[in-house]
Amino acid sequence: MRLRAEDRRRMILRAAGDLFIARGFAGVTMEDVIAAAGGSKSTIYQQFSDKTDLFRAAVESLLDERSEPLRTFVPSSADLARTLVELGRDFATVALSPESIALHRLVSAEAERVPGLGEAFFDHGPRAGQRVLGGVLQAAADAGLVAIEDPILAAAQLYQAMLGDVQMRLLTDSPQVPTDEEIERSIAYAVRVFLHGVALRPRE
């Protein structure tokens, strides 16, 4: 049975993404992708002008696939703190997985050589998560639960507070590998400080 163009494209992107993560940009040829995905040279070049174009599209596809749980996030309750902790756990599942860390390292290594790669990574990765978290914060602001002027900026800062340290340790291959308990504590503490602050309140 002949594959539809969308299915063929999806197979090419999946094969290319796996190869690029395993071997790096320089270690993969278009012939390698054809061999892994099937099809012909004419098929792949009908959809991608060159290896750089394929690489950028593969990164975007991988990020969209990995961020799907965030885009479909549904809070389990009306409690804002619980919702933020739940979303933080979803962020951790997506961003801290070995595959995501490998992809982040790959993009960092190749961004200077591949035009538009850094922006594509940010738009399909961190910014996608910020939009989801920003939507939750905007809804809370609309309900009068919090006072937030810029929900996207607040989302970016909350994300960094929740996972910035543990993510950096994984990206830099630190010997201090974060445990599940550390990640959970980091998320919960960030949410608590975000919602209630750290300033002492005067005694009445």
Protein backbone atom coordinates (compact mmCIF):
# COMPACT_ATOMS: atom_id res chain seq x y z
CA MET A 1 0.00 0.00 0.00
CA ARG A 2 1.35 3.40 -0.97
CA LEU A 3 1.98 5.78 1.92
CA ARG A 4 0.34 9.18 1.99
CA ALA A 5 2.67 12.16 1.70
CA GLU A 6 2.04 13.13 5.35
CA ASP A 7 2.83 9.61 6.57
CA ARG A 8 5.97 9.48 4.46
CA ARG A 9 7.08 12.84 5.83
CA ARG A 10 6.44 11.67 9.39
CA MET A 11 8.54 8.54 8.82
CA ILE A 12 11.39 10.57 7.36
CA LEU A 13 11.36 13.02 10.26
CA ARG A 14 11.27 10.25 12.85
CA ALA A 15 14.17 8.39 11.22
CA ALA A 16 16.15 11.62 10.80
CA GLY A 17 15.54 12.69 14.38
CA ASP A 18 16.74 9.38 15.78
CA LEU A 19 19.86 9.46 13.60
CA PHE A 20 20.75 13.06 14.40
CA ILE A 21 20.42 12.48 18.15
CA ALA A 22 22.54 9.32 17.95
CA ARG A 23 25.25 10.61 15.61
CA GLY A 24 25.06 14.40 15.56
CA PHE A 25 24.50 16.61 12.53
CA ALA A 26 27.85 15.91 10.87
CA GLY A 27 27.53 12.15 11.36
CA VAL A 28 24.35 11.78 9.31
CA THR A 29 23.95 11.87 5.53
CA MET A 30 20.77 12.09 3.49
CA GLU A 31 21.54 8.56 2.31
CA ASP A 32 21.53 7.39 5.95
CA VAL A 33 18.06 8.84 6.41
CA ILE A 34 16.79 7.25 3.20
CA ALA A 35 18.15 3.87 4.30
CA ALA A 36 16.45 4.20 7.71
CA ALA A 37 13.12 5.60 6.51
CA GLY A 38 12.82 3.83 3.18
CA GLY A 39 11.87 5.49 -0.07
CA SER A 40 14.10 7.18 -2.60
CA LYS A 41 16.34 10.19 -2.91
CA SER A 42 13.75 11.97 -5.04
CA THR A 43 11.13 11.45 -2.31
CA ILE A 44 13.20 13.04 0.43
CA TYR A 45 14.35 15.94 -1.74
CA GLN A 46 10.77 16.71 -2.74
CA GLN A 47 10.10 17.64 0.87
CA PHE A 48 13.47 18.91 2.14
CA SER A 49 15.88 21.04 0.15
CA ASP A 50 19.01 19.79 1.93
CA LYS A 51 20.27 18.20 5.16
CA THR A 52 20.06 21.48 7.06
CA ASP A 53 16.41 21.89 6.13
CA LEU A 54 15.72 18.29 7.18
CA PHE A 55 17.61 18.74 10.46
CA ARG A 56 15.62 21.82 11.42
CA ALA A 57 12.32 20.12 10.54
CA ALA A 58 13.30 16.98 12.48
CA VAL A 59 14.09 19.03 15.59
CA GLU A 60 10.74 20.83 15.35
CA SER A 61 8.92 17.53 14.91
CA LEU A 62 10.65 15.95 17.91
CA LEU A 63 9.83 18.94 20.09
CA ASP A 64 6.18 18.99 19.00
CA GLU A 65 5.89 15.28 19.73
CA ARG A 66 7.47 15.56 23.17
CA SER A 67 5.44 18.61 24.18
CA GLU A 68 2.08 17.03 23.31
CA PRO A 69 1.31 16.16 26.98
CA LEU A 70 1.72 19.84 27.85
CA ARG A 71 -0.63 21.06 25.11
CA THR A 72 -3.32 18.62 26.28
CA PHE A 73 -2.87 19.35 29.98
CA VAL A 74 -6.11 19.38 31.99
CA PRO A 75 -6.01 20.37 35.70
CA SER A 76 -7.37 17.76 38.11
CA SER A 77 -8.83 20.39 40.43
CA ALA A 78 -9.56 24.09 40.79
CA ASP A 79 -6.74 24.49 43.33
CA LEU A 80 -4.11 26.71 41.69
CA ALA A 81 -1.13 25.44 43.70
CA ARG A 82 -1.99 21.84 42.92
CA THR A 83 -2.46 22.68 39.25
CA LEU A 84 0.94 24.35 39.03
CA VAL A 85 2.64 21.41 40.76
CA GLU A 86 0.93 18.98 38.37
CA LEU A 87 2.03 21.03 35.39
CA GLY A 88 5.54 21.22 36.81
CA ARG A 89 5.63 17.42 36.95
CA ASP A 90 4.57 17.27 33.31
CA PHE A 91 7.33 19.75 32.44
CA ALA A 92 9.81 17.52 34.26
CA THR A 93 8.63 14.42 32.39
CA VAL A 94 9.06 16.18 29.05
CA ALA A 95 12.15 18.32 29.59
CA LEU A 96 14.26 16.06 31.79
CA SER A 97 13.95 12.81 29.85
CA PRO A 98 17.20 11.43 28.39
CA GLU A 99 15.83 12.02 24.88
CA SER A 100 15.04 15.67 25.58
CA ILE A 101 18.40 16.28 27.22
CA ALA A 102 20.16 14.71 24.22
CA LEU A 103 18.13 16.89 21.85
CA HIS A 104 18.90 20.02 23.86
CA ARG A 105 22.62 19.24 23.74
CA LEU A 106 22.45 18.59 20.01
CA VAL A 107 20.73 21.91 19.30
CA SER A 108 23.19 23.79 21.51
CA ALA A 109 26.07 22.27 19.55
CA GLU A 110 24.64 23.02 16.12
CA ALA A 111 22.66 26.26 16.59
CA GLU A 112 25.47 28.52 15.42
CA ARG A 113 25.89 26.59 12.17
CA VAL A 114 22.23 26.04 11.31
CA PRO A 115 20.28 29.24 10.56
CA GLY A 116 17.02 29.49 12.45
CA LEU A 117 17.65 26.38 14.56
CA GLY A 118 17.85 28.20 17.88
CA GLU A 119 14.62 30.09 17.26
CA ALA A 120 12.88 26.91 16.08
CA PHE A 121 14.00 25.09 19.22
CA PHE A 122 12.83 27.87 21.49
CA ASP A 123 9.48 28.29 19.74
CA HIS A 124 8.61 24.58 19.65
CA GLY A 125 10.17 23.81 23.05
CA PRO A 126 10.39 26.32 25.92
CA ARG A 127 7.99 28.84 24.41
CA ALA A 128 5.35 26.16 23.83
CA GLY A 129 5.52 25.27 27.52
CA GLN A 130 5.42 28.93 28.51
CA ARG A 131 2.24 29.40 26.51
CA VAL A 132 0.54 26.54 28.36
CA LEU A 133 1.70 27.72 31.79
CA GLY A 134 0.96 31.32 30.86
CA GLY A 135 -2.59 30.32 29.98
CA VAL A 136 -3.06 28.77 33.41
CA LEU A 137 -1.70 31.90 35.08
CA GLN A 138 -3.86 34.18 32.93
CA ALA A 139 -6.96 32.19 33.85
CA ALA A 140 -6.01 32.49 37.53
CA ALA A 141 -5.54 36.24 37.12
CA ASP A 142 -8.91 36.55 35.38
CA ALA A 143 -10.48 34.70 38.31
CA GLY A 144 -8.90 37.13 40.76
CA LEU A 145 -6.61 34.54 42.34
CA VAL A 146 -3.33 36.23 41.44
CA ALA A 147 -2.14 39.63 40.21
CA ILE A 148 0.04 39.09 37.14
CA GLU A 149 0.77 41.74 34.52
CA ASP A 150 2.72 39.51 32.10
CA PRO A 151 1.68 35.84 32.31
CA ILE A 152 4.27 34.65 29.75
CA LEU A 153 7.13 36.31 31.63
CA ALA A 154 5.77 34.94 34.90
CA ALA A 155 5.54 31.48 33.31
CA ALA A 156 9.16 31.64 32.15
CA GLN A 157 10.34 32.65 35.61
CA LEU A 158 8.27 29.99 37.36
CA TYR A 159 9.58 27.30 35.02
CA GLN A 160 13.18 28.29 35.75
CA ALA A 161 12.47 28.24 39.47
CA MET A 162 10.94 24.78 39.22
CA LEU A 163 13.43 23.03 36.95
CA GLY A 164 16.25 25.36 35.93
CA ASP A 165 18.80 23.94 38.36
CA VAL A 166 18.02 20.26 37.81
CA GLN A 167 17.88 20.69 34.04
CA MET A 168 21.27 22.41 33.99
CA ARG A 169 22.79 19.59 36.04
CA LEU A 170 21.56 17.06 33.49
CA LEU A 171 22.66 19.13 30.50
CA THR A 172 26.18 19.52 31.88
CA ASP A 173 26.44 15.87 32.94
CA SER A 174 26.96 16.89 36.54
CA PRO A 175 27.85 14.06 38.93
CA GLN A 176 25.08 15.42 41.19
CA VAL A 177 22.25 13.77 39.25
CA PRO A 178 18.91 15.02 40.60
CA THR A 179 16.72 12.40 42.21
CA ASP A 180 12.96 12.18 41.77
CA GLU A 181 12.59 13.48 45.32
CA GLU A 182 14.77 16.52 44.55
CA ILE A 183 12.78 17.30 41.44
CA GLU A 184 9.49 17.03 43.32
CA ARG A 185 10.79 19.25 46.12
CA SER A 186 12.08 21.82 43.63
CA ILE A 187 8.72 22.02 41.89
CA ALA A 188 6.70 22.28 45.09
CA TYR A 189 9.03 24.85 46.65
CA ALA A 190 9.04 27.01 43.49
CA VAL A 191 5.25 27.02 43.38
CA ARG A 192 5.02 27.91 47.07
CA VAL A 193 7.46 30.82 46.73
CA PHE A 194 5.81 31.96 43.49
CA LEU A 195 2.37 32.13 45.09
CA HIS A 196 3.31 33.33 48.58
CA GLY A 197 6.77 34.90 48.35
CA VAL A 198 9.55 34.84 50.90
CA ALA A 199 9.18 38.23 52.57
CA LEU A 200 8.36 38.10 56.26
CA ARG A 201 4.96 39.49 57.15
CA PRO A 202 4.81 41.84 60.12
CA ARG A 203 3.16 40.41 63.17
CA GLU A 204 -0.11 41.98 64.11
